[in-house]
Amino acid sequence: MTHDYLPSSPSPATETASRPPGVVETILCIAAYFAMQFAFAGLFGGISMQLARTFPDTVPQAPDRLIVVVILTVICSAFLVSWLLVRRWGPGRAMDPGPAGLGFTAPPGRFIALGTALGIAAPVIGGLLTQFLAGEHAVSQAVSDIADKAHVGMRVALLPVVVLIGPAVEELLFRGALLSILRTRLGDGWAIGLSAVIFGTVHLPDLAWLWYAVPNLVLVGLFCAWLRVRSGSIWPSFVAHAANNALATIAWFTATAAS
């Protein structure tokens, strides 16, 4: 019969699953990442203190324990939010190089080289900018404060988290999900600028709310967002972010050698 050949209407569940994520959902995903960090830090920090009380002679000192807490916190938070984002965006949007996609596509080789160069230039230019704005005030991030007091072995253990895992999940959040939403609504120029400002601002708690350190991170956000838009891929921005963080970690080992 003729009605046997009519296409079936999609169910509400199917329509919901195929609907692209919106602004509110994207912001909630970013907020969830930082909320997860807070929750996991409290969980692992509490376990660390309990172990220190129970086994005072065998558990490492507080700075080394804090490094372990940071590593576990970032890994767990990054895994959960990355799984959530990729699942919600779906394989098609994840591989889409366009404005609506996350950009998990292979970029032209020249953008990897450009990402490396910008990642090296960012901390140099941003450092000078921060010094100019801060004057005589000292600026440091919470992770570097912890690492400065830890043993060299623990700093080495922290390197993959700071240089690889942290940049990977932040690129997925800010140059993947957030930039995608902004590009489809505001266009490339406004999306690059606004995403960079948001990226810098959300790091204020890590900077002890020192506003004059934010422009440095905004600069990193501008470089990374521009790379994502121009290359059609998220990987050059990841390379730039990783190179920026790698240079920042040199100070940890320099301080150790000086002492």
C-alpha atoms as a PDB file:
ATOM      1  CA  MET A   1       0.000   0.000   0.000  1.00  0.00           C
ATOM      2  CA  THR A   2       1.120   3.515  -0.627  1.00  0.00           C
ATOM      3  CA  HIS A   3       1.486   4.422   3.012  1.00  0.00           C
ATOM      4  CA  ASP A   4       4.081   1.653   3.370  1.00  0.00           C
ATOM      5  CA  TYR A   5       6.514   3.813   1.367  1.00  0.00           C
ATOM      6  CA  LEU A   6       6.089   7.012   3.334  1.00  0.00           C
ATOM      7  CA  PRO A   7       9.187   7.943   5.378  1.00  0.00           C
ATOM      8  CA  SER A   8       8.697   7.598   9.067  1.00  0.00           C
ATOM      9  CA  SER A   9       8.683  10.814  11.100  1.00  0.00           C
ATOM     10  CA  PRO A  10      11.708  11.265  13.344  1.00  0.00           C
ATOM     11  CA  SER A  11      11.052  10.815  16.997  1.00  0.00           C
ATOM     12  CA  PRO A  12      11.498  13.747  19.407  1.00  0.00           C
ATOM     13  CA  ALA A  13      14.506  11.997  20.894  1.00  0.00           C
ATOM     14  CA  THR A  14      16.181  11.784  17.481  1.00  0.00           C
ATOM     15  CA  GLU A  15      15.479  15.434  16.752  1.00  0.00           C
ATOM     16  CA  THR A  16      16.902  16.483  20.103  1.00  0.00           C
ATOM     17  CA  ALA A  17      20.042  14.410  19.621  1.00  0.00           C
ATOM     18  CA  SER A  18      20.674  15.950  16.186  1.00  0.00           C
ATOM     19  CA  ARG A  19      20.105  19.548  17.277  1.00  0.00           C
ATOM     20  CA  PRO A  20      23.384  21.494  17.465  1.00  0.00           C
ATOM     21  CA  PRO A  21      24.430  22.675  20.925  1.00  0.00           C
ATOM     22  CA  GLY A  22      23.451  26.223  21.873  1.00  0.00           C
ATOM     23  CA  VAL A  23      25.126  29.069  23.713  1.00  0.00           C
ATOM     24  CA  VAL A  24      23.766  28.146  27.139  1.00  0.00           C
ATOM     25  CA  GLU A  25      24.766  24.508  26.775  1.00  0.00           C
ATOM     26  CA  THR A  26      28.277  25.465  25.673  1.00  0.00           C
ATOM     27  CA  ILE A  27      28.727  27.841  28.604  1.00  0.00           C
ATOM     28  CA  LEU A  28      27.466  25.146  30.967  1.00  0.00           C
ATOM     29  CA  CYS A  29      30.053  22.714  29.562  1.00  0.00           C
ATOM     30  CA  ILE A  30      32.832  25.209  30.266  1.00  0.00           C
ATOM     31  CA  ALA A  31      31.453  25.858  33.753  1.00  0.00           C
ATOM     32  CA  ALA A  32      31.206  22.110  34.317  1.00  0.00           C
ATOM     33  CA  TYR A  33      34.918  21.689  33.595  1.00  0.00           C
ATOM     34  CA  PHE A  34      35.919  24.163  36.275  1.00  0.00           C
ATOM     35  CA  ALA A  35      33.296  22.784  38.668  1.00  0.00           C
ATOM     36  CA  MET A  36      34.736  19.305  38.140  1.00  0.00           C
ATOM     37  CA  GLN A  37      38.200  20.625  38.936  1.00  0.00           C
ATOM     38  CA  PHE A  38      36.911  22.112  42.180  1.00  0.00           C
ATOM     39  CA  ALA A  39      35.124  18.879  43.126  1.00  0.00           C
ATOM     40  CA  PHE A  40      37.975  16.539  42.237  1.00  0.00           C
ATOM     41  CA  ALA A  41      40.501  18.805  43.962  1.00  0.00           C
ATOM     42  CA  GLY A  42      38.432  18.614  47.136  1.00  0.00           C
ATOM     43  CA  LEU A  43      38.048  14.842  46.836  1.00  0.00           C
ATOM     44  CA  PHE A  44      41.692  14.028  46.132  1.00  0.00           C
ATOM     45  CA  GLY A  45      42.912  16.709  48.528  1.00  0.00           C
ATOM     46  CA  GLY A  46      40.833  15.186  51.319  1.00  0.00           C
ATOM     47  CA  ILE A  47      42.168  11.719  50.538  1.00  0.00           C
ATOM     48  CA  SER A  48      45.719  13.102  50.515  1.00  0.00           C
ATOM     49  CA  MET A  49      45.329  14.694  53.954  1.00  0.00           C
ATOM     50  CA  GLN A  50      43.788  11.555  55.389  1.00  0.00           C
ATOM     51  CA  LEU A  51      46.646   9.428  54.089  1.00  0.00           C
ATOM     52  CA  ALA A  52      49.153  11.909  55.535  1.00  0.00           C
ATOM     53  CA  ARG A  53      47.519  11.597  58.971  1.00  0.00           C
ATOM     54  CA  THR A  54      47.338   7.814  58.778  1.00  0.00           C
ATOM     55  CA  PHE A  55      50.829   7.230  57.390  1.00  0.00           C
ATOM     56  CA  PRO A  56      52.858  10.309  58.438  1.00  0.00           C
ATOM     57  CA  ASP A  57      56.240   8.631  57.939  1.00  0.00           C
ATOM     58  CA  THR A  58      55.632   7.241  54.459  1.00  0.00           C
ATOM     59  CA  VAL A  59      53.453   9.787  52.651  1.00  0.00           C
ATOM     60  CA  PRO A  60      55.381  12.536  50.740  1.00  0.00           C
ATOM     61  CA  GLN A  61      55.457  16.122  51.954  1.00  0.00           C
ATOM     62  CA  ALA A  62      52.606  18.544  51.186  1.00  0.00           C
ATOM     63  CA  PRO A  63      54.023  20.121  47.940  1.00  0.00           C
ATOM     64  CA  ASP A  64      54.573  16.705  46.383  1.00  0.00           C
ATOM     65  CA  ARG A  65      51.142  15.506  47.496  1.00  0.00           C
ATOM     66  CA  LEU A  66      49.592  18.608  45.963  1.00  0.00           C
ATOM     67  CA  ILE A  67      51.244  17.792  42.649  1.00  0.00           C
ATOM     68  CA  VAL A  68      49.564  14.384  42.718  1.00  0.00           C
ATOM     69  CA  VAL A  69      46.234  16.037  43.531  1.00  0.00           C
ATOM     70  CA  VAL A  70      46.651  18.445  40.598  1.00  0.00           C
ATOM     71  CA  ILE A  71      47.542  15.626  38.201  1.00  0.00           C
ATOM     72  CA  LEU A  72      44.565  13.477  39.192  1.00  0.00           C
ATOM     73  CA  THR A  73      42.210  16.458  39.190  1.00  0.00           C
ATOM     74  CA  VAL A  74      43.136  17.634  35.695  1.00  0.00           C
ATOM     75  CA  ILE A  75      43.121  14.118  34.202  1.00  0.00           C
ATOM     76  CA  CYS A  76      39.683  13.230  35.611  1.00  0.00           C
ATOM     77  CA  SER A  77      38.132  16.591  34.734  1.00  0.00           C
ATOM     78  CA  ALA A  78      39.624  16.599  31.230  1.00  0.00           C
ATOM     79  CA  PHE A  79      38.460  13.058  30.488  1.00  0.00           C
ATOM     80  CA  LEU A  80      34.881  13.646  31.612  1.00  0.00           C
ATOM     81  CA  VAL A  81      34.350  16.996  29.889  1.00  0.00           C
ATOM     82  CA  SER A  82      36.040  15.815  26.668  1.00  0.00           C
ATOM     83  CA  TRP A  83      33.817  12.744  26.576  1.00  0.00           C
ATOM     84  CA  LEU A  84      30.766  14.924  27.176  1.00  0.00           C
ATOM     85  CA  LEU A  85      31.643  17.434  24.450  1.00  0.00           C
ATOM     86  CA  VAL A  86      32.552  14.919  21.743  1.00  0.00           C
ATOM     87  CA  ARG A  87      29.463  12.861  22.535  1.00  0.00           C
ATOM     88  CA  ARG A  88      27.199  15.907  22.427  1.00  0.00           C
ATOM     89  CA  TRP A  89      28.674  17.427  19.260  1.00  0.00           C
ATOM     90  CA  GLY A  90      28.770  14.050  17.519  1.00  0.00           C
ATOM     91  CA  PRO A  91      31.334  12.573  15.098  1.00  0.00           C
ATOM     92  CA  GLY A  92      30.153  14.692  12.161  1.00  0.00           C
ATOM     93  CA  ARG A  93      30.510  18.035  13.909  1.00  0.00           C
ATOM     94  CA  ALA A  94      33.720  16.926  15.645  1.00  0.00           C
ATOM     95  CA  MET A  95      35.407  16.405  12.276  1.00  0.00           C
ATOM     96  CA  ASP A  96      33.857  19.451  10.610  1.00  0.00           C
ATOM     97  CA  PRO A  97      36.524  22.102   9.815  1.00  0.00           C
ATOM     98  CA  GLY A  98      33.911  24.796   9.274  1.00  0.00           C
ATOM     99  CA  PRO A  99      32.441  27.340  11.708  1.00  0.00           C
ATOM    100  CA  ALA A 100      29.956  24.859  13.185  1.00  0.00           C
ATOM    101  CA  GLY A 101      32.506  22.089  13.794  1.00  0.00           C
ATOM    102  CA  LEU A 102      35.116  21.286  16.406  1.00  0.00           C
ATOM    103  CA  GLY A 103      37.898  21.024  13.819  1.00  0.00           C
ATOM    104  CA  PHE A 104      39.378  17.576  14.466  1.00  0.00           C
ATOM    105  CA  THR A 105      40.840  17.518  10.972  1.00  0.00           C
ATOM    106  CA  ALA A 106      44.406  17.381   9.724  1.00  0.00           C
ATOM    107  CA  PRO A 107      45.718  20.910   9.046  1.00  0.00           C
ATOM    108  CA  PRO A 108      48.202  22.057   6.399  1.00  0.00           C
ATOM    109  CA  GLY A 109      51.734  21.571   7.708  1.00  0.00           C
ATOM    110  CA  ARG A 110      52.548  25.269   7.581  1.00  0.00           C
ATOM    111  CA  PHE A 111      49.973  25.979  10.281  1.00  0.00           C
ATOM    112  CA  ILE A 112      51.652  23.539  12.655  1.00  0.00           C
ATOM    113  CA  ALA A 113      54.897  25.459  12.159  1.00  0.00           C
ATOM    114  CA  LEU A 114      53.037  28.755  12.565  1.00  0.00           C
ATOM    115  CA  GLY A 115      51.362  27.468  15.724  1.00  0.00           C
ATOM    116  CA  THR A 116      54.746  26.562  17.171  1.00  0.00           C
ATOM    117  CA  ALA A 117      56.139  30.015  16.362  1.00  0.00           C
ATOM    118  CA  LEU A 118      53.145  31.828  17.867  1.00  0.00           C
ATOM    119  CA  GLY A 119      53.256  29.595  20.929  1.00  0.00           C
ATOM    120  CA  ILE A 120      56.867  30.599  21.500  1.00  0.00           C
ATOM    121  CA  ALA A 121      56.194  34.279  20.817  1.00  0.00           C
ATOM    122  CA  ALA A 122      53.105  34.505  23.057  1.00  0.00           C
ATOM    123  CA  PRO A 123      54.821  34.151  26.469  1.00  0.00           C
ATOM    124  CA  VAL A 124      57.585  36.555  25.419  1.00  0.00           C
ATOM    125  CA  ILE A 125      55.209  39.281  24.228  1.00  0.00           C
ATOM    126  CA  GLY A 126      52.666  38.520  26.945  1.00  0.00           C
ATOM    127  CA  GLY A 127      55.341  38.551  29.640  1.00  0.00           C
ATOM    128  CA  LEU A 128      56.482  42.010  28.610  1.00  0.00           C
ATOM    129  CA  LEU A 129      52.882  43.206  28.552  1.00  0.00           C
ATOM    130  CA  THR A 130      52.233  41.779  32.011  1.00  0.00           C
ATOM    131  CA  GLN A 131      55.371  43.392  33.426  1.00  0.00           C
ATOM    132  CA  PHE A 132      54.302  46.724  31.995  1.00  0.00           C
ATOM    133  CA  LEU A 133      50.808  46.497  33.498  1.00  0.00           C
ATOM    134  CA  ALA A 134      51.857  44.950  36.819  1.00  0.00           C
ATOM    135  CA  GLY A 135      54.724  47.296  37.558  1.00  0.00           C
ATOM    136  CA  GLU A 136      56.487  46.023  40.677  1.00  0.00           C
ATOM    137  CA  HIS A 137      53.781  43.481  41.537  1.00  0.00           C
ATOM    138  CA  ALA A 138      54.678  39.809  41.260  1.00  0.00           C
ATOM    139  CA  VAL A 139      52.513  37.573  39.075  1.00  0.00           C
ATOM    140  CA  SER A 140      52.328  33.791  39.264  1.00  0.00           C
ATOM    141  CA  GLN A 141      49.775  31.056  38.724  1.00  0.00           C
ATOM    142  CA  ALA A 142      48.587  28.600  41.351  1.00  0.00           C
ATOM    143  CA  VAL A 143      50.152  25.605  39.625  1.00  0.00           C
ATOM    144  CA  SER A 144      53.554  27.268  39.358  1.00  0.00           C
ATOM    145  CA  ASP A 145      53.407  28.231  43.052  1.00  0.00           C
ATOM    146  CA  ILE A 146      52.895  24.581  43.919  1.00  0.00           C
ATOM    147  CA  ALA A 147      55.555  23.344  41.505  1.00  0.00           C
ATOM    148  CA  ASP A 148      58.169  25.775  42.809  1.00  0.00           C
ATOM    149  CA  LYS A 149      58.103  23.982  46.166  1.00  0.00           C
ATOM    150  CA  ALA A 150      57.990  20.403  44.885  1.00  0.00           C
ATOM    151  CA  HIS A 151      60.842  18.039  44.077  1.00  0.00           C
ATOM    152  CA  VAL A 152      62.182  17.890  40.532  1.00  0.00           C
ATOM    153  CA  GLY A 153      60.753  14.407  39.984  1.00  0.00           C
ATOM    154  CA  MET A 154      57.251  15.617  40.762  1.00  0.00           C
ATOM    155  CA  ARG A 155      57.685  18.584  38.436  1.00  0.00           C
ATOM    156  CA  VAL A 156      58.614  16.170  35.653  1.00  0.00           C
ATOM    157  CA  ALA A 157      55.480  14.134  36.422  1.00  0.00           C
ATOM    158  CA  LEU A 158      53.404  17.315  36.147  1.00  0.00           C
ATOM    159  CA  LEU A 159      54.809  18.282  32.735  1.00  0.00           C
ATOM    160  CA  PRO A 160      52.498  16.106  30.560  1.00  0.00           C
ATOM    161  CA  VAL A 161      49.480  17.511  32.384  1.00  0.00           C
ATOM    162  CA  VAL A 162      50.528  21.151  31.990  1.00  0.00           C
ATOM    163  CA  VAL A 163      51.906  20.876  28.448  1.00  0.00           C
ATOM    164  CA  LEU A 164      49.552  18.315  26.862  1.00  0.00           C
ATOM    165  CA  ILE A 165      46.397  17.428  28.786  1.00  0.00           C
ATOM    166  CA  GLY A 166      45.520  20.914  30.011  1.00  0.00           C
ATOM    167  CA  PRO A 167      45.956  22.577  26.595  1.00  0.00           C
ATOM    168  CA  ALA A 168      44.079  19.750  24.860  1.00  0.00           C
ATOM    169  CA  VAL A 169      40.912  20.067  26.926  1.00  0.00           C
ATOM    170  CA  GLU A 170      41.031  23.877  26.949  1.00  0.00           C
ATOM    171  CA  GLU A 171      41.380  23.979  23.168  1.00  0.00           C
ATOM    172  CA  LEU A 172      38.408  21.647  22.870  1.00  0.00           C
ATOM    173  CA  LEU A 173      36.374  23.928  25.138  1.00  0.00           C
ATOM    174  CA  PHE A 174      37.429  27.379  23.928  1.00  0.00           C
ATOM    175  CA  ARG A 175      38.635  26.967  20.331  1.00  0.00           C
ATOM    176  CA  GLY A 176      36.340  24.025  19.678  1.00  0.00           C
ATOM    177  CA  ALA A 177      32.939  24.383  21.324  1.00  0.00           C
ATOM    178  CA  LEU A 178      32.889  28.068  22.313  1.00  0.00           C
ATOM    179  CA  LEU A 179      34.483  29.433  19.149  1.00  0.00           C
ATOM    180  CA  SER A 180      32.137  27.290  17.057  1.00  0.00           C
ATOM    181  CA  ILE A 181      29.057  28.732  18.745  1.00  0.00           C
ATOM    182  CA  LEU A 182      30.329  32.309  18.473  1.00  0.00           C
ATOM    183  CA  ARG A 183      31.373  31.991  14.817  1.00  0.00           C
ATOM    184  CA  THR A 184      27.943  30.811  13.721  1.00  0.00           C
ATOM    185  CA  ARG A 185      26.302  33.759  15.494  1.00  0.00           C
ATOM    186  CA  LEU A 186      28.769  36.654  15.352  1.00  0.00           C
ATOM    187  CA  GLY A 187      31.181  35.896  12.515  1.00  0.00           C
ATOM    188  CA  ASP A 188      34.878  35.123  12.678  1.00  0.00           C
ATOM    189  CA  GLY A 189      36.247  38.476  13.839  1.00  0.00           C
ATOM    190  CA  TRP A 190      33.968  38.977  16.825  1.00  0.00           C
ATOM    191  CA  ALA A 191      34.178  35.277  17.689  1.00  0.00           C
ATOM    192  CA  ILE A 192      37.990  35.359  17.838  1.00  0.00           C
ATOM    193  CA  GLY A 193      38.043  38.458  20.034  1.00  0.00           C
ATOM    194  CA  LEU A 194      35.233  37.471  22.405  1.00  0.00           C
ATOM    195  CA  SER A 195      36.451  33.895  22.863  1.00  0.00           C
ATOM    196  CA  ALA A 196      39.938  35.204  23.709  1.00  0.00           C
ATOM    197  CA  VAL A 197      38.549  37.593  26.344  1.00  0.00           C
ATOM    198  CA  ILE A 198      36.478  34.809  27.901  1.00  0.00           C
ATOM    199  CA  PHE A 199      39.488  32.495  27.871  1.00  0.00           C
ATOM    200  CA  GLY A 200      41.611  35.037  29.722  1.00  0.00           C
ATOM    201  CA  THR A 201      38.898  36.011  32.191  1.00  0.00           C
ATOM    202  CA  VAL A 202      38.034  32.505  33.363  1.00  0.00           C
ATOM    203  CA  HIS A 203      41.658  32.049  34.479  1.00  0.00           C
ATOM    204  CA  LEU A 204      41.429  34.907  36.977  1.00  0.00           C
ATOM    205  CA  PRO A 205      41.062  32.551  39.992  1.00  0.00           C
ATOM    206  CA  ASP A 206      44.330  30.822  39.011  1.00  0.00           C
ATOM    207  CA  LEU A 207      45.954  34.265  38.892  1.00  0.00           C
ATOM    208  CA  ALA A 208      44.752  35.212  42.389  1.00  0.00           C
ATOM    209  CA  TRP A 209      42.379  37.700  40.691  1.00  0.00           C
ATOM    210  CA  LEU A 210      45.260  39.845  39.427  1.00  0.00           C
ATOM    211  CA  TRP A 211      43.699  41.543  36.405  1.00  0.00           C
ATOM    212  CA  TYR A 212      46.998  42.673  34.895  1.00  0.00           C
ATOM    213  CA  ALA A 213      47.927  39.052  34.144  1.00  0.00           C
ATOM    214  CA  VAL A 214      44.783  38.520  32.035  1.00  0.00           C
ATOM    215  CA  PRO A 215      45.962  40.329  28.832  1.00  0.00           C
ATOM    216  CA  ASN A 216      48.751  37.756  28.508  1.00  0.00           C
ATOM    217  CA  LEU A 217      46.177  34.946  28.371  1.00  0.00           C
ATOM    218  CA  VAL A 218      43.929  36.969  26.068  1.00  0.00           C
ATOM    219  CA  LEU A 219      46.866  37.199  23.665  1.00  0.00           C
ATOM    220  CA  VAL A 220      47.265  33.411  23.758  1.00  0.00           C
ATOM    221  CA  GLY A 221      43.535  33.097  23.132  1.00  0.00           C
ATOM    222  CA  LEU A 222      43.729  35.436  20.135  1.00  0.00           C
ATOM    223  CA  PHE A 223      46.600  33.495  18.576  1.00  0.00           C
ATOM    224  CA  CYS A 224      44.902  30.131  19.133  1.00  0.00           C
ATOM    225  CA  ALA A 225      41.478  31.259  17.880  1.00  0.00           C
ATOM    226  CA  TRP A 226      43.015  32.838  14.765  1.00  0.00           C
ATOM    227  CA  LEU A 227      44.889  29.612  14.042  1.00  0.00           C
ATOM    228  CA  ARG A 228      41.707  27.564  14.409  1.00  0.00           C
ATOM    229  CA  VAL A 229      39.788  29.804  12.017  1.00  0.00           C
ATOM    230  CA  ARG A 230      42.501  30.131   9.380  1.00  0.00           C
ATOM    231  CA  SER A 231      43.644  26.503   9.366  1.00  0.00           C
ATOM    232  CA  GLY A 232      40.226  24.853   9.656  1.00  0.00           C
ATOM    233  CA  SER A 233      41.703  22.624  12.360  1.00  0.00           C
ATOM    234  CA  ILE A 234      42.018  22.661  16.122  1.00  0.00           C
ATOM    235  CA  TRP A 235      45.504  21.099  16.087  1.00  0.00           C
ATOM    236  CA  PRO A 236      47.570  24.236  15.279  1.00  0.00           C
ATOM    237  CA  SER A 237      45.943  26.049  18.208  1.00  0.00           C
ATOM    238  CA  PHE A 238      46.737  23.078  20.432  1.00  0.00           C
ATOM    239  CA  VAL A 239      50.373  23.200  19.311  1.00  0.00           C
ATOM    240  CA  ALA A 240      50.542  26.937  20.086  1.00  0.00           C
ATOM    241  CA  HIS A 241      48.950  26.449  23.505  1.00  0.00           C
ATOM    242  CA  ALA A 242      51.256  23.529  24.331  1.00  0.00           C
ATOM    243  CA  ALA A 243      54.359  25.489  23.244  1.00  0.00           C
ATOM    244  CA  ASN A 244      53.272  28.434  25.384  1.00  0.00           C
ATOM    245  CA  ASN A 245      52.841  26.216  28.455  1.00  0.00           C
ATOM    246  CA  ALA A 246      56.098  24.387  27.777  1.00  0.00           C
ATOM    247  CA  LEU A 247      58.044  27.631  27.893  1.00  0.00           C
ATOM    248  CA  ALA A 248      56.332  28.585  31.146  1.00  0.00           C
ATOM    249  CA  THR A 249      57.498  25.371  32.796  1.00  0.00           C
ATOM    250  CA  ILE A 250      61.146  26.177  32.069  1.00  0.00           C
ATOM    251  CA  ALA A 251      61.006  28.600  35.008  1.00  0.00           C
ATOM    252  CA  TRP A 252      60.303  25.727  37.394  1.00  0.00           C
ATOM    253  CA  PHE A 253      63.488  23.881  36.467  1.00  0.00           C
ATOM    254  CA  THR A 254      65.482  27.115  36.261  1.00  0.00           C
ATOM    255  CA  ALA A 255      64.479  27.918  39.843  1.00  0.00           C
ATOM    256  CA  THR A 256      65.532  24.439  40.937  1.00  0.00           C
ATOM    257  CA  ALA A 257      68.934  24.731  39.267  1.00  0.00           C
ATOM    258  CA  ALA A 258      69.486  28.155  40.850  1.00  0.00           C
ATOM    259  CA  SER A 259      68.736  26.794  44.327  1.00  0.00           C
END
